[in-house]
Amino acid sequence: MGLSTLAPKPTTTTSTTTASTTSTREPAPAPVPTGRRDTDGMAVASFVLGLLGLLVLNLFLGPIAIVLASIALLRGTSRKGRAALGLGLGVADLVVLAVLMSMDNTVSWGLAG
């Protein structure tokens, strides 16, 4: 037995099989822009932070809600109403802070007096 009889014969591939498989593939779906999803999240976050800021930490949460709502509106969010509410609640946070600080004549405020 010689080595030449045990060696596998080289195989050749034809280009017709690859051409037929590429023509039957469906086109890839168009990618969804991630910017729209991000701005929707910013709109919801501004609403939640603005609402939460009416109760606690309105010095910090109010401006964050204003910034997030402004960015979401400038980038064209699909949740314009939620972003507008977040913007309004952020401004209301700062107004509540100013009113309660002026009533206490201090930089901090509390409901207990």
Protein backbone atom coordinates (compact mmCIF):
# COMPACT_ATOMS: atom_id res chain seq x y z
CA MET A 1 0.00 0.00 0.00
CA GLY A 2 1.41 3.29 -1.01
CA LEU A 3 0.80 6.66 0.57
CA SER A 4 -0.75 7.98 -2.59
CA THR A 5 -3.76 5.69 -2.27
CA LEU A 6 -4.54 6.81 1.30
CA ALA A 7 -4.30 10.56 0.72
CA PRO A 8 -7.63 12.33 0.20
CA LYS A 9 -8.28 13.82 -3.19
CA PRO A 10 -8.57 17.63 -3.29
CA THR A 11 -12.09 18.92 -3.79
CA THR A 12 -13.06 21.93 -5.81
CA THR A 13 -15.99 24.21 -5.11
CA THR A 14 -18.00 25.91 -7.77
CA SER A 15 -19.03 29.52 -7.62
CA THR A 16 -22.57 28.74 -8.73
CA THR A 17 -23.54 27.42 -5.30
CA THR A 18 -22.40 30.58 -3.53
CA ALA A 19 -24.15 32.78 -6.05
CA SER A 20 -27.43 30.95 -5.58
CA THR A 21 -27.29 31.18 -1.78
CA THR A 22 -26.61 34.90 -1.76
CA SER A 23 -29.51 35.65 -4.09
CA THR A 24 -32.03 33.88 -1.85
CA ARG A 25 -31.11 35.86 1.28
CA GLU A 26 -33.52 38.52 2.45
CA PRO A 27 -32.19 42.05 2.91
CA ALA A 28 -31.23 43.01 6.44
CA PRO A 29 -33.81 45.13 8.25
CA ALA A 30 -33.08 48.81 8.58
CA PRO A 31 -31.44 49.65 11.92
CA VAL A 32 -33.58 51.55 14.41
CA PRO A 33 -31.92 54.81 15.41
CA THR A 34 -30.93 54.65 19.06
CA GLY A 35 -31.18 58.40 19.48
CA ARG A 36 -34.97 58.30 19.44
CA ARG A 37 -35.10 55.67 22.17
CA ASP A 38 -32.59 57.66 24.24
CA THR A 39 -34.62 60.85 23.98
CA ASP A 40 -37.78 59.02 25.00
CA GLY A 41 -35.94 57.77 28.08
CA MET A 42 -34.76 61.29 28.83
CA ALA A 43 -38.33 62.58 28.60
CA VAL A 44 -39.59 59.95 31.04
CA ALA A 45 -36.65 60.51 33.39
CA SER A 46 -37.24 64.27 33.43
CA PHE A 47 -40.90 63.70 34.31
CA VAL A 48 -40.07 61.27 37.12
CA LEU A 49 -37.28 63.45 38.54
CA GLY A 50 -39.43 66.57 38.35
CA LEU A 51 -42.27 64.82 40.15
CA LEU A 52 -39.95 63.39 42.78
CA GLY A 53 -38.26 66.77 43.16
CA LEU A 54 -41.49 68.33 44.42
CA LEU A 55 -41.10 66.17 47.53
CA VAL A 56 -37.36 65.81 48.15
CA LEU A 57 -34.06 67.26 46.91
CA ASN A 58 -35.66 69.82 44.65
CA LEU A 59 -32.44 71.86 44.56
CA PHE A 60 -30.77 68.98 42.68
CA LEU A 61 -33.61 67.18 40.94
CA GLY A 62 -35.27 70.31 39.52
CA PRO A 63 -32.32 71.43 37.37
CA ILE A 64 -31.62 67.84 36.26
CA ALA A 65 -35.25 67.50 35.14
CA ILE A 66 -35.01 70.80 33.25
CA VAL A 67 -31.81 69.76 31.45
CA LEU A 68 -33.10 66.29 30.52
CA ALA A 69 -36.41 67.66 29.25
CA SER A 70 -34.66 70.36 27.21
CA ILE A 71 -32.31 67.86 25.58
CA ALA A 72 -35.19 65.48 24.83
CA LEU A 73 -37.23 68.25 23.22
CA LEU A 74 -34.27 69.54 21.18
CA ARG A 75 -33.48 66.05 19.87
CA GLY A 76 -37.08 65.46 18.83
CA THR A 77 -38.55 62.95 21.25
CA SER A 78 -41.81 61.22 20.42
CA ARG A 79 -42.96 61.88 24.00
CA LYS A 80 -43.18 65.66 23.77
CA GLY A 81 -45.95 65.88 26.38
CA ARG A 82 -43.96 63.93 28.95
CA ALA A 83 -40.88 66.08 28.28
CA ALA A 84 -42.94 69.26 28.61
CA LEU A 85 -44.35 68.01 31.93
CA GLY A 86 -40.81 67.22 33.09
CA LEU A 87 -39.72 70.73 32.14
CA GLY A 88 -42.67 72.29 33.96
CA LEU A 89 -42.16 70.14 37.04
CA GLY A 90 -38.45 71.01 37.10
CA VAL A 91 -39.30 74.70 37.07
CA ALA A 92 -41.97 74.10 39.73
CA ASP A 93 -39.33 72.39 41.89
CA LEU A 94 -37.24 75.54 41.88
CA VAL A 95 -40.26 77.77 42.52
CA VAL A 96 -41.33 75.64 45.50
CA LEU A 97 -37.77 75.79 46.81
CA ALA A 98 -37.69 79.59 46.50
CA VAL A 99 -41.06 80.04 48.20
CA LEU A 100 -40.30 77.71 51.10
CA MET A 101 -36.84 79.22 51.58
CA SER A 102 -38.29 82.72 51.70
CA MET A 103 -40.85 81.62 54.29
CA ASP A 104 -38.14 80.13 56.53
CA ASN A 105 -35.51 82.85 55.80
CA THR A 106 -32.90 80.09 55.42
CA VAL A 107 -31.15 78.28 52.62
CA SER A 108 -32.75 74.98 53.63
CA TRP A 109 -36.39 74.23 54.24
CA GLY A 110 -38.53 71.60 55.88
CA LEU A 111 -42.23 70.99 56.25
CA ALA A 112 -41.96 70.38 60.01
CA GLY A 113 -41.20 74.02 60.68
